[in-house]
PDB file of N, CA and C in Angstrom:
ATOM      1  N   MET A   1       1.756   9.791 -15.275  1.00  0.00           N
ATOM      2  CA  MET A   1       0.510   9.241 -13.888  1.00  0.00           C
ATOM      3  C   MET A   1       1.656   8.543 -13.034  1.00  0.00           C
ATOM      4  N   GLU A   2       1.298   8.791 -12.031  1.00  0.00           N
ATOM      5  CA  GLU A   2       2.003   8.490 -10.480  1.00  0.00           C
ATOM      6  C   GLU A   2       1.865   7.021 -10.445  1.00  0.00           C
ATOM      7  N   SER A   3       2.960   6.650  -9.670  1.00  0.00           N
ATOM      8  CA  SER A   3       3.078   4.963  -9.905  1.00  0.00           C
ATOM      9  C   SER A   3       2.522   4.893  -8.023  1.00  0.00           C
ATOM     10  N   VAL A   4       1.884   3.324  -7.938  1.00  0.00           N
ATOM     11  CA  VAL A   4       1.688   2.851  -6.712  1.00  0.00           C
ATOM     12  C   VAL A   4       2.705   1.847  -6.411  1.00  0.00           C
ATOM     13  N   LEU A   5       2.965   1.874  -4.500  1.00  0.00           N
ATOM     14  CA  LEU A   5       3.386   0.847  -4.241  1.00  0.00           C
ATOM     15  C   LEU A   5       2.435  -0.066  -3.584  1.00  0.00           C
ATOM     16  N   LEU A   6       2.515  -1.253  -3.904  1.00  0.00           N
ATOM     17  CA  LEU A   6       1.694  -2.387  -3.360  1.00  0.00           C
ATOM     18  C   LEU A   6       2.355  -3.559  -2.404  1.00  0.00           C
ATOM     19  N   VAL A   7       2.516  -3.154  -1.055  1.00  0.00           N
ATOM     20  CA  VAL A   7       3.027  -3.700  -0.144  1.00  0.00           C
ATOM     21  C   VAL A   7       2.138  -5.311   0.544  1.00  0.00           C
ATOM     22  N   GLU A   8       2.761  -6.035  -0.012  1.00  0.00           N
ATOM     23  CA  GLU A   8       1.390  -7.428   0.050  1.00  0.00           C
ATOM     24  C   GLU A   8       2.164  -8.639   0.106  1.00  0.00           C
ATOM     25  N   ASP A   9       2.190  -9.325   0.896  1.00  0.00           N
ATOM     26  CA  ASP A   9       2.613 -10.727   0.906  1.00  0.00           C
ATOM     27  C   ASP A   9       2.175 -11.893   0.596  1.00  0.00           C
ATOM     28  N   ASP A  10       0.653 -11.813   0.452  1.00  0.00           N
ATOM     29  CA  ASP A  10      -0.061 -12.929  -0.413  1.00  0.00           C
ATOM     30  C   ASP A  10       0.406 -12.718  -1.993  1.00  0.00           C
ATOM     31  N   GLU A  11       0.917 -13.592  -2.381  1.00  0.00           N
ATOM     32  CA  GLU A  11       1.437 -13.357  -3.891  1.00  0.00           C
ATOM     33  C   GLU A  11      -0.151 -13.414  -4.791  1.00  0.00           C
ATOM     34  N   ASP A  12      -1.248 -14.296  -4.581  1.00  0.00           N
ATOM     35  CA  ASP A  12      -2.270 -13.792  -5.277  1.00  0.00           C
ATOM     36  C   ASP A  12      -2.744 -12.801  -5.327  1.00  0.00           C
ATOM     37  N   ILE A  13      -2.898 -12.171  -4.222  1.00  0.00           N
ATOM     38  CA  ILE A  13      -3.538 -11.038  -4.011  1.00  0.00           C
ATOM     39  C   ILE A  13      -2.686 -10.059  -4.922  1.00  0.00           C
ATOM     40  N   ARG A  14      -1.020 -10.120  -4.419  1.00  0.00           N
ATOM     41  CA  ARG A  14      -0.135  -9.179  -4.986  1.00  0.00           C
ATOM     42  C   ARG A  14      -0.571  -8.974  -6.849  1.00  0.00           C
ATOM     43  N   GLU A  15      -0.319 -10.206  -7.107  1.00  0.00           N
ATOM     44  CA  GLU A  15      -0.289 -10.413  -8.752  1.00  0.00           C
ATOM     45  C   GLU A  15      -1.556  -9.692  -9.238  1.00  0.00           C
ATOM     46  N   THR A  16      -2.967 -10.142  -8.499  1.00  0.00           N
ATOM     47  CA  THR A  16      -4.095  -9.663  -8.911  1.00  0.00           C
ATOM     48  C   THR A  16      -4.216  -7.996  -8.957  1.00  0.00           C
ATOM     49  N   LEU A  17      -3.858  -7.519  -7.700  1.00  0.00           N
ATOM     50  CA  LEU A  17      -3.947  -6.144  -7.879  1.00  0.00           C
ATOM     51  C   LEU A  17      -2.769  -5.421  -8.650  1.00  0.00           C
ATOM     52  N   ASP A  18      -1.718  -6.214  -8.943  1.00  0.00           N
ATOM     53  CA  ASP A  18      -0.557  -5.314 -10.231  1.00  0.00           C
ATOM     54  C   ASP A  18      -1.219  -5.289 -10.952  1.00  0.00           C
ATOM     55  N   GLU A  19      -1.959  -6.527 -11.882  1.00  0.00           N
ATOM     56  CA  GLU A  19      -2.516  -6.328 -12.979  1.00  0.00           C
ATOM     57  C   GLU A  19      -3.780  -5.833 -13.383  1.00  0.00           C
ATOM     58  N   PHE A  20      -4.740  -5.723 -12.225  1.00  0.00           N
ATOM     59  CA  PHE A  20      -5.794  -4.757 -12.305  1.00  0.00           C
ATOM     60  C   PHE A  20      -5.329  -3.401 -12.511  1.00  0.00           C
ATOM     61  N   LEU A  21      -4.341  -2.767 -11.514  1.00  0.00           N
ATOM     62  CA  LEU A  21      -3.727  -1.201 -11.569  1.00  0.00           C
ATOM     63  C   LEU A  21      -3.081  -1.084 -12.786  1.00  0.00           C
ATOM     64  N   THR A  22      -2.350  -2.177 -13.638  1.00  0.00           N
ATOM     65  CA  THR A  22      -1.636  -2.181 -14.477  1.00  0.00           C
ATOM     66  C   THR A  22      -2.609  -1.691 -15.592  1.00  0.00           C
ATOM     67  N   GLY A  23      -3.443  -2.591 -15.628  1.00  0.00           N
ATOM     68  CA  GLY A  23      -4.428  -2.533 -16.894  1.00  0.00           C
ATOM     69  C   GLY A  23      -5.280  -1.371 -16.885  1.00  0.00           C
ATOM     70  N   GLN A  24      -5.096  -0.381 -15.552  1.00  0.00           N
ATOM     71  CA  GLN A  24      -6.054   0.895 -15.470  1.00  0.00           C
ATOM     72  C   GLN A  24      -5.078   1.583 -15.766  1.00  0.00           C
ATOM     73  N   GLY A  25      -3.846   1.448 -16.179  1.00  0.00           N
ATOM     74  CA  GLY A  25      -2.621   2.525 -16.544  1.00  0.00           C
ATOM     75  C   GLY A  25      -2.157   2.859 -15.824  1.00  0.00           C
ATOM     76  N   TYR A  26      -1.993   2.359 -14.561  1.00  0.00           N
ATOM     77  CA  TYR A  26      -0.965   2.860 -13.129  1.00  0.00           C
ATOM     78  C   TYR A  26       0.399   1.778 -13.449  1.00  0.00           C
ATOM     79  N   VAL A  27       1.337   2.756 -13.091  1.00  0.00           N
ATOM     80  CA  VAL A  27       2.643   1.924 -12.871  1.00  0.00           C
ATOM     81  C   VAL A  27       2.793   1.427 -11.687  1.00  0.00           C
ATOM     82  N   VAL A  28       2.913  -0.266 -11.073  1.00  0.00           N
ATOM     83  CA  VAL A  28       2.627  -0.564 -10.270  1.00  0.00           C
ATOM     84  C   VAL A  28       4.214  -1.355  -9.575  1.00  0.00           C
ATOM     85  N   GLU A  29       4.619  -0.935  -8.426  1.00  0.00           N
ATOM     86  CA  GLU A  29       5.766  -1.788  -7.863  1.00  0.00           C
ATOM     87  C   GLU A  29       5.334  -2.357  -6.953  1.00  0.00           C
ATOM     88  N   THR A  30       5.755  -3.812  -6.355  1.00  0.00           N
ATOM     89  CA  THR A  30       5.408  -4.363  -5.456  1.00  0.00           C
ATOM     90  C   THR A  30       6.434  -4.762  -4.683  1.00  0.00           C
ATOM     91  N   ALA A  31       6.134  -5.242  -3.366  1.00  0.00           N
ATOM     92  CA  ALA A  31       6.714  -5.764  -2.467  1.00  0.00           C
ATOM     93  C   ALA A  31       6.367  -6.586  -1.529  1.00  0.00           C
ATOM     94  N   VAL A  32       7.245  -7.770  -1.084  1.00  0.00           N
ATOM     95  CA  VAL A  32       6.447  -8.757  -0.555  1.00  0.00           C
ATOM     96  C   VAL A  32       6.473  -8.510   1.079  1.00  0.00           C
ATOM     97  N   ASN A  33       6.983  -7.878   1.792  1.00  0.00           N
ATOM     98  CA  ASN A  33       6.823  -7.335   2.949  1.00  0.00           C
ATOM     99  C   ASN A  33       6.967  -5.493   3.539  1.00  0.00           C
ATOM    100  N   GLY A  34       6.880  -5.517   4.689  1.00  0.00           N
ATOM    101  CA  GLY A  34       7.106  -4.010   5.147  1.00  0.00           C
ATOM    102  C   GLY A  34       8.802  -3.617   4.982  1.00  0.00           C
ATOM    103  N   LEU A  35       9.475  -4.292   5.296  1.00  0.00           N
ATOM    104  CA  LEU A  35      10.568  -4.096   5.124  1.00  0.00           C
ATOM    105  C   LEU A  35      11.274  -3.855   3.618  1.00  0.00           C
ATOM    106  N   ASP A  36      10.853  -4.689   2.881  1.00  0.00           N
ATOM    107  CA  ASP A  36      10.833  -4.770   1.253  1.00  0.00           C
ATOM    108  C   ASP A  36      10.350  -3.377   0.612  1.00  0.00           C
ATOM    109  N   GLY A  37       9.181  -3.103   1.293  1.00  0.00           N
ATOM    110  CA  GLY A  37       8.439  -1.642   0.908  1.00  0.00           C
ATOM    111  C   GLY A  37       9.272  -0.897   1.457  1.00  0.00           C
ATOM    112  N   LEU A  38       9.593  -0.792   2.372  1.00  0.00           N
ATOM    113  CA  LEU A  38      10.550   0.677   2.810  1.00  0.00           C
ATOM    114  C   LEU A  38      11.973   0.869   1.853  1.00  0.00           C
ATOM    115  N   GLN A  39      12.492  -0.102   1.720  1.00  0.00           N
ATOM    116  CA  GLN A  39      13.302  -0.269   0.941  1.00  0.00           C
ATOM    117  C   GLN A  39      13.378  -0.024  -0.422  1.00  0.00           C
ATOM    118  N   LYS A  40      12.205   0.045  -1.152  1.00  0.00           N
ATOM    119  CA  LYS A  40      12.051   0.445  -2.114  1.00  0.00           C
ATOM    120  C   LYS A  40      11.237   2.152  -2.247  1.00  0.00           C
ATOM    121  N   LEU A  41      10.938   2.754  -1.133  1.00  0.00           N
ATOM    122  CA  LEU A  41      10.698   3.770  -0.909  1.00  0.00           C
ATOM    123  C   LEU A  41      11.819   4.810  -0.853  1.00  0.00           C
ATOM    124  N   GLU A  42      12.771   3.976  -0.510  1.00  0.00           N
ATOM    125  CA  GLU A  42      14.297   5.106  -0.472  1.00  0.00           C
ATOM    126  C   GLU A  42      14.385   5.552  -1.960  1.00  0.00           C
ATOM    127  N   GLY A  43      14.191   4.576  -2.958  1.00  0.00           N
ATOM    128  CA  GLY A  43      14.838   5.475  -4.471  1.00  0.00           C
ATOM    129  C   GLY A  43      13.647   5.705  -4.888  1.00  0.00           C
ATOM    130  N   HIS A  44      12.145   5.525  -4.624  1.00  0.00           N
ATOM    131  CA  HIS A  44      10.911   5.931  -5.596  1.00  0.00           C
ATOM    132  C   HIS A  44      10.146   6.059  -4.503  1.00  0.00           C
ATOM    133  N   ARG A  45       9.437   7.439  -5.236  1.00  0.00           N
ATOM    134  CA  ARG A  45       8.306   8.086  -4.463  1.00  0.00           C
ATOM    135  C   ARG A  45       6.692   8.161  -5.332  1.00  0.00           C
ATOM    136  N   PRO A  46       6.033   6.772  -4.799  1.00  0.00           N
ATOM    137  CA  PRO A  46       4.662   6.481  -5.446  1.00  0.00           C
ATOM    138  C   PRO A  46       3.785   7.750  -4.914  1.00  0.00           C
ATOM    139  N   GLY A  47       2.563   7.676  -5.877  1.00  0.00           N
ATOM    140  CA  GLY A  47       1.492   8.749  -5.316  1.00  0.00           C
ATOM    141  C   GLY A  47       1.015   8.170  -4.164  1.00  0.00           C
ATOM    142  N   LEU A  48       0.725   6.641  -4.027  1.00  0.00           N
ATOM    143  CA  LEU A  48       0.137   5.871  -2.901  1.00  0.00           C
ATOM    144  C   LEU A  48       0.548   4.658  -2.515  1.00  0.00           C
ATOM    145  N   VAL A  49       0.979   4.405  -1.338  1.00  0.00           N
ATOM    146  CA  VAL A  49       1.169   3.044  -0.861  1.00  0.00           C
ATOM    147  C   VAL A  49       0.015   2.185  -0.604  1.00  0.00           C
ATOM    148  N   LEU A  50      -0.207   1.139  -1.190  1.00  0.00           N
ATOM    149  CA  LEU A  50      -1.137   0.294  -0.662  1.00  0.00           C
ATOM    150  C   LEU A  50      -0.461  -0.940   0.314  1.00  0.00           C
ATOM    151  N   LEU A  51      -0.943  -1.003   1.580  1.00  0.00           N
ATOM    152  CA  LEU A  51      -0.133  -1.596   2.648  1.00  0.00           C
ATOM    153  C   LEU A  51      -1.116  -2.736   3.078  1.00  0.00           C
ATOM    154  N   ASP A  52      -0.580  -4.023   3.383  1.00  0.00           N
ATOM    155  CA  ASP A  52      -1.567  -5.128   3.812  1.00  0.00           C
ATOM    156  C   ASP A  52      -0.519  -4.923   5.648  1.00  0.00           C
ATOM    157  N   LEU A  53      -1.415  -5.487   6.220  1.00  0.00           N
ATOM    158  CA  LEU A  53      -1.047  -5.184   7.876  1.00  0.00           C
ATOM    159  C   LEU A  53      -0.443  -6.742   8.218  1.00  0.00           C
ATOM    160  N   MET A  54      -0.982  -7.809   8.025  1.00  0.00           N
ATOM    161  CA  MET A  54      -0.592  -8.850   8.318  1.00  0.00           C
ATOM    162  C   MET A  54       0.502  -9.567   7.635  1.00  0.00           C
ATOM    163  N   MET A  55       1.949  -9.403   7.693  1.00  0.00           N
ATOM    164  CA  MET A  55       2.762  -9.825   7.022  1.00  0.00           C
ATOM    165  C   MET A  55       4.144 -10.339   7.433  1.00  0.00           C
ATOM    166  N   PRO A  56       5.196 -11.209   7.159  1.00  0.00           N
ATOM    167  CA  PRO A  56       6.177 -11.617   7.572  1.00  0.00           C
ATOM    168  C   PRO A  56       7.376 -10.413   7.295  1.00  0.00           C
ATOM    169  N   VAL A  57       8.307 -10.637   8.442  1.00  0.00           N
ATOM    170  CA  VAL A  57       9.853  -9.904   8.353  1.00  0.00           C
ATOM    171  C   VAL A  57       9.397  -8.431   9.079  1.00  0.00           C
ATOM    172  N   MET A  58       8.428  -7.545   8.575  1.00  0.00           N
ATOM    173  CA  MET A  58       7.878  -6.380   9.069  1.00  0.00           C
ATOM    174  C   MET A  58       6.524  -6.333   8.616  1.00  0.00           C
ATOM    175  N   ASN A  59       5.508  -6.404   9.609  1.00  0.00           N
ATOM    176  CA  ASN A  59       4.125  -5.973   9.285  1.00  0.00           C
ATOM    177  C   ASN A  59       3.860  -4.638   9.102  1.00  0.00           C
ATOM    178  N   GLY A  60       2.615  -4.019   8.439  1.00  0.00           N
ATOM    179  CA  GLY A  60       2.156  -2.854   8.220  1.00  0.00           C
ATOM    180  C   GLY A  60       2.592  -1.965   9.580  1.00  0.00           C
ATOM    181  N   TRP A  61       1.844  -2.451  10.486  1.00  0.00           N
ATOM    182  CA  TRP A  61       2.210  -1.572  11.924  1.00  0.00           C
ATOM    183  C   TRP A  61       3.644  -0.914  12.000  1.00  0.00           C
ATOM    184  N   GLU A  62       4.681  -2.124  11.495  1.00  0.00           N
ATOM    185  CA  GLU A  62       5.977  -1.530  11.934  1.00  0.00           C
ATOM    186  C   GLU A  62       6.340  -0.796  10.453  1.00  0.00           C
ATOM    187  N   PHE A  63       5.851  -0.908   9.644  1.00  0.00           N
ATOM    188  CA  PHE A  63       6.168  -0.309   8.612  1.00  0.00           C
ATOM    189  C   PHE A  63       5.718   1.485   8.829  1.00  0.00           C
ATOM    190  N   LEU A  64       4.584   1.464   8.937  1.00  0.00           N
ATOM    191  CA  LEU A  64       3.883   2.791   9.110  1.00  0.00           C
ATOM    192  C   LEU A  64       4.819   3.597  10.335  1.00  0.00           C
ATOM    193  N   GLU A  65       5.333   2.815  11.203  1.00  0.00           N
ATOM    194  CA  GLU A  65       6.388   3.410  12.373  1.00  0.00           C
ATOM    195  C   GLU A  65       7.520   3.879  11.877  1.00  0.00           C
ATOM    196  N   LYS A  66       8.110   3.095  10.885  1.00  0.00           N
ATOM    197  CA  LYS A  66       9.414   3.317  10.401  1.00  0.00           C
ATOM    198  C   LYS A  66       9.302   4.415   9.541  1.00  0.00           C
ATOM    199  N   LYS A  67       8.355   4.432   8.660  1.00  0.00           N
ATOM    200  CA  LYS A  67       7.924   5.481   7.814  1.00  0.00           C
ATOM    201  C   LYS A  67       7.420   7.073   8.222  1.00  0.00           C
ATOM    202  N   LYS A  68       6.832   6.938   9.379  1.00  0.00           N
ATOM    203  CA  LYS A  68       6.635   7.891   9.844  1.00  0.00           C
ATOM    204  C   LYS A  68       7.846   8.763  10.394  1.00  0.00           C
ATOM    205  N   ILE A  69       9.130   8.441  10.746  1.00  0.00           N
ATOM    206  CA  ILE A  69      10.306   9.371  11.214  1.00  0.00           C
ATOM    207  C   ILE A  69      11.320   8.849   9.992  1.00  0.00           C
ATOM    208  N   ALA A  70      10.859   8.822   8.962  1.00  0.00           N
ATOM    209  CA  ALA A  70      11.822   9.055   7.903  1.00  0.00           C
ATOM    210  C   ALA A  70      11.411  10.080   7.059  1.00  0.00           C
ATOM    211  N   PRO A  71      11.969  11.581   7.173  1.00  0.00           N
ATOM    212  CA  PRO A  71      11.715  12.482   6.479  1.00  0.00           C
ATOM    213  C   PRO A  71      11.420  12.634   5.326  1.00  0.00           C
ATOM    214  N   GLU A  72      12.040  11.778   4.633  1.00  0.00           N
ATOM    215  CA  GLU A  72      11.879  11.885   3.124  1.00  0.00           C
ATOM    216  C   GLU A  72      10.658  10.980   2.685  1.00  0.00           C
ATOM    217  N   ILE A  73      10.454  10.217   3.226  1.00  0.00           N
ATOM    218  CA  ILE A  73       8.917   9.438   2.965  1.00  0.00           C
ATOM    219  C   ILE A  73       7.639   9.837   3.756  1.00  0.00           C
ATOM    220  N   CYS A  74       7.792  10.318   4.652  1.00  0.00           N
ATOM    221  CA  CYS A  74       6.814  10.429   5.683  1.00  0.00           C
ATOM    222  C   CYS A  74       5.327  10.767   5.142  1.00  0.00           C
ATOM    223  N   LYS A  75       5.595  11.708   4.197  1.00  0.00           N
ATOM    224  CA  LYS A  75       4.201  12.340   3.666  1.00  0.00           C
ATOM    225  C   LYS A  75       3.550  11.701   2.439  1.00  0.00           C
ATOM    226  N   VAL A  76       4.351  10.499   2.081  1.00  0.00           N
ATOM    227  CA  VAL A  76       3.566   9.495   0.957  1.00  0.00           C
ATOM    228  C   VAL A  76       2.356   8.776   1.869  1.00  0.00           C
ATOM    229  N   PRO A  77       1.275   8.995   1.029  1.00  0.00           N
ATOM    230  CA  PRO A  77       0.095   8.413   1.788  1.00  0.00           C
ATOM    231  C   PRO A  77      -0.221   6.724   1.620  1.00  0.00           C
ATOM    232  N   VAL A  78      -0.712   6.609   2.521  1.00  0.00           N
ATOM    233  CA  VAL A  78      -0.784   4.974   2.672  1.00  0.00           C
ATOM    234  C   VAL A  78      -2.395   4.744   2.758  1.00  0.00           C
ATOM    235  N   LEU A  79      -2.878   3.747   2.376  1.00  0.00           N
ATOM    236  CA  LEU A  79      -4.265   2.932   2.030  1.00  0.00           C
ATOM    237  C   LEU A  79      -3.781   1.585   2.428  1.00  0.00           C
ATOM    238  N   LEU A  80      -4.684   1.309   3.519  1.00  0.00           N
ATOM    239  CA  LEU A  80      -4.351   0.234   4.134  1.00  0.00           C
ATOM    240  C   LEU A  80      -5.438  -1.008   3.452  1.00  0.00           C
ATOM    241  N   ILE A  81      -4.946  -2.167   3.030  1.00  0.00           N
ATOM    242  CA  ILE A  81      -5.653  -3.414   2.753  1.00  0.00           C
ATOM    243  C   ILE A  81      -5.459  -4.629   3.719  1.00  0.00           C
ATOM    244  N   SER A  82      -6.257  -4.902   4.207  1.00  0.00           N
ATOM    245  CA  SER A  82      -6.431  -5.883   5.215  1.00  0.00           C
ATOM    246  C   SER A  82      -7.395  -6.932   5.553  1.00  0.00           C
ATOM    247  N   ALA A  83      -7.220  -8.282   5.902  1.00  0.00           N
ATOM    248  CA  ALA A  83      -8.486  -8.990   6.491  1.00  0.00           C
ATOM    249  C   ALA A  83      -8.348  -8.828   7.991  1.00  0.00           C
ATOM    250  N   VAL A  84      -7.653  -8.359   8.521  1.00  0.00           N
ATOM    251  CA  VAL A  84      -7.737  -8.016  10.214  1.00  0.00           C
ATOM    252  C   VAL A  84      -9.357  -7.838  10.677  1.00  0.00           C
ATOM    253  N   PRO A  85      -9.753  -8.505  11.559  1.00  0.00           N
ATOM    254  CA  PRO A  85     -11.586  -8.009  11.803  1.00  0.00           C
ATOM    255  C   PRO A  85     -11.683  -6.840  12.326  1.00  0.00           C
ATOM    256  N   GLY A  86     -12.385  -6.285  12.000  1.00  0.00           N
ATOM    257  CA  GLY A  86     -13.138  -4.907  12.389  1.00  0.00           C
ATOM    258  C   GLY A  86     -12.581  -4.039  11.326  1.00  0.00           C
ATOM    259  N   LYS A  87     -12.354  -2.786  11.970  1.00  0.00           N
ATOM    260  CA  LYS A  87     -11.660  -1.720  11.086  1.00  0.00           C
ATOM    261  C   LYS A  87     -10.756  -0.942  11.709  1.00  0.00           C
ATOM    262  N   PRO A  88      -9.549  -1.786  11.634  1.00  0.00           N
ATOM    263  CA  PRO A  88      -8.444  -1.044  12.424  1.00  0.00           C
ATOM    264  C   PRO A  88      -8.163   0.292  12.148  1.00  0.00           C
ATOM    265  N   TYR A  89      -8.273   1.244  13.417  1.00  0.00           N
ATOM    266  CA  TYR A  89      -7.564   2.511  13.238  1.00  0.00           C
ATOM    267  C   TYR A  89      -6.108   2.515  13.276  1.00  0.00           C
ATOM    268  N   VAL A  90      -5.310   2.916  12.313  1.00  0.00           N
ATOM    269  CA  VAL A  90      -3.834   2.910  12.074  1.00  0.00           C
ATOM    270  C   VAL A  90      -3.755   4.146  11.931  1.00  0.00           C
ATOM    271  N   PRO A  91      -2.792   4.989  13.070  1.00  0.00           N
ATOM    272  CA  PRO A  91      -2.379   6.196  12.767  1.00  0.00           C
ATOM    273  C   PRO A  91      -1.580   6.188  11.710  1.00  0.00           C
ATOM    274  N   GLY A  92      -1.426   6.907  10.849  1.00  0.00           N
ATOM    275  CA  GLY A  92      -0.584   7.285   9.431  1.00  0.00           C
ATOM    276  C   GLY A  92      -1.351   6.556   8.389  1.00  0.00           C
ATOM    277  N   ALA A  93      -2.162   6.184   8.448  1.00  0.00           N
ATOM    278  CA  ALA A  93      -3.025   5.400   7.271  1.00  0.00           C
ATOM    279  C   ALA A  93      -4.373   6.032   6.949  1.00  0.00           C
ATOM    280  N   LEU A  94      -4.535   6.334   5.555  1.00  0.00           N
ATOM    281  CA  LEU A  94      -5.827   7.095   5.086  1.00  0.00           C
ATOM    282  C   LEU A  94      -7.064   6.543   5.551  1.00  0.00           C
ATOM    283  N   ALA A  95      -6.756   5.241   5.611  1.00  0.00           N
ATOM    284  CA  ALA A  95      -8.183   4.502   5.696  1.00  0.00           C
ATOM    285  C   ALA A  95      -8.004   2.838   5.100  1.00  0.00           C
ATOM    286  N   THR A  96      -8.667   2.166   5.605  1.00  0.00           N
ATOM    287  CA  THR A  96      -8.704   0.507   5.593  1.00  0.00           C
ATOM    288  C   THR A  96      -9.960   0.102   4.396  1.00  0.00           C
ATOM    289  N   LEU A  97      -9.074  -0.513   3.393  1.00  0.00           N
ATOM    290  CA  LEU A  97     -10.055  -1.275   2.551  1.00  0.00           C
ATOM    291  C   LEU A  97     -10.325  -2.866   3.049  1.00  0.00           C
ATOM    292  N   ARG A  98     -11.046  -3.629   3.265  1.00  0.00           N
ATOM    293  CA  ARG A  98     -11.364  -4.799   3.839  1.00  0.00           C
ATOM    294  C   ARG A  98     -11.221  -5.949   2.894  1.00  0.00           C
ATOM    295  N   LYS A  99     -10.201  -6.934   2.980  1.00  0.00           N
ATOM    296  CA  LYS A  99     -10.260  -8.087   1.863  1.00  0.00           C
ATOM    297  C   LYS A  99     -11.557  -8.860   2.187  1.00  0.00           C
ATOM    298  N   PRO A 100     -11.906  -9.162   1.062  1.00  0.00           N
ATOM    299  CA  PRO A 100     -11.732  -9.070  -0.218  1.00  0.00           C
ATOM    300  C   PRO A 100     -12.191  -7.498  -0.699  1.00  0.00           C
ATOM    301  N   ILE A 101     -11.268  -6.975  -1.486  1.00  0.00           N
ATOM    302  CA  ILE A 101     -11.116  -5.498  -1.845  1.00  0.00           C
ATOM    303  C   ILE A 101     -12.150  -4.881  -2.961  1.00  0.00           C
ATOM    304  N   ASP A 102     -12.798  -3.971  -2.042  1.00  0.00           N
ATOM    305  CA  ASP A 102     -14.002  -3.684  -3.377  1.00  0.00           C
ATOM    306  C   ASP A 102     -13.073  -2.699  -4.108  1.00  0.00           C
ATOM    307  N   LEU A 103     -12.731  -2.989  -5.632  1.00  0.00           N
ATOM    308  CA  LEU A 103     -12.141  -2.351  -6.496  1.00  0.00           C
ATOM    309  C   LEU A 103     -12.687  -0.904  -7.037  1.00  0.00           C
ATOM    310  N   ARG A 104     -13.971  -0.998  -6.869  1.00  0.00           N
ATOM    311  CA  ARG A 104     -14.597   0.450  -7.059  1.00  0.00           C
ATOM    312  C   ARG A 104     -13.659   1.826  -5.830  1.00  0.00           C
ATOM    313  N   ARG A 105     -13.871   1.265  -4.891  1.00  0.00           N
ATOM    314  CA  ARG A 105     -13.080   1.962  -3.418  1.00  0.00           C
ATOM    315  C   ARG A 105     -11.757   2.163  -3.699  1.00  0.00           C
ATOM    316  N   LEU A 106     -10.881   1.231  -4.005  1.00  0.00           N
ATOM    317  CA  LEU A 106      -9.518   1.233  -4.195  1.00  0.00           C
ATOM    318  C   LEU A 106      -9.318   2.274  -5.334  1.00  0.00           C
ATOM    319  N   MET A 107      -9.965   2.337  -6.629  1.00  0.00           N
ATOM    320  CA  MET A 107      -9.767   2.953  -7.661  1.00  0.00           C
ATOM    321  C   MET A 107     -10.165   4.588  -7.333  1.00  0.00           C
ATOM    322  N   ASP A 108     -10.964   4.702  -6.113  1.00  0.00           N
ATOM    323  CA  ASP A 108     -11.535   6.118  -5.943  1.00  0.00           C
ATOM    324  C   ASP A 108     -10.140   6.908  -5.193  1.00  0.00           C
ATOM    325  N   PHE A 109      -9.361   5.830  -4.193  1.00  0.00           N
ATOM    326  CA  PHE A 109      -8.291   6.494  -3.785  1.00  0.00           C
ATOM    327  C   PHE A 109      -6.941   6.506  -4.700  1.00  0.00           C
ATOM    328  N   VAL A 110      -6.954   5.520  -5.446  1.00  0.00           N
ATOM    329  CA  VAL A 110      -5.869   5.732  -6.557  1.00  0.00           C
ATOM    330  C   VAL A 110      -6.208   6.760  -7.600  1.00  0.00           C
ATOM    331  N   GLU A 111      -7.410   7.011  -7.956  1.00  0.00           N
ATOM    332  CA  GLU A 111      -7.566   8.324  -8.718  1.00  0.00           C
ATOM    333  C   GLU A 111      -7.298   9.552  -7.885  1.00  0.00           C
ATOM    334  N   LEU A 112      -7.565   9.484  -6.872  1.00  0.00           N
ATOM    335  CA  LEU A 112      -7.514  10.745  -6.092  1.00  0.00           C
ATOM    336  C   LEU A 112      -6.074  11.158  -5.812  1.00  0.00           C
ATOM    337  N   TYR A 113      -4.968  10.021  -5.366  1.00  0.00           N
ATOM    338  CA  TYR A 113      -3.500  10.217  -4.983  1.00  0.00           C
ATOM    339  C   TYR A 113      -2.688  10.190  -6.257  1.00  0.00           C
ATOM    340  N   CYS A 114      -3.206   9.544  -7.610  1.00  0.00           N
ATOM    341  CA  CYS A 114      -2.094   9.372  -8.244  1.00  0.00           C
ATOM    342  C   CYS A 114      -2.531   9.992  -9.771  1.00  0.00           C
ATOM    343  N   ALA A 115      -3.025  11.206  -9.515  1.00  0.00           N
ATOM    344  CA  ALA A 115      -3.736  11.433 -10.937  1.00  0.00           C
ATOM    345  C   ALA A 115      -2.710  12.428 -11.311  1.00  0.00           C
TER     346      ALA A 115
END
């Protein structure tokens, strides 16, 4: 079973999603911001990245810009998880799940990309 990289600065959300996905049988690696997430992608290729948009140090938009120019990681799929109003269209992302996250929709993506 493939792993999931969860890039989320909110500790409560990060821990809740980590526990939920781990309970579903997935291996979860976490990162606290976009820079941390990119560094973790250097040695690890998850089936899916769950990416928050609003984070300190490096936000989700900056993460996606850096990721797309790195040939070794540019093809790793990214699902946005965000509280940004509206449904932000962000090039390089599969879709956006609004917070609070619908866990059934989340699992649809995780199962599709981490089967």
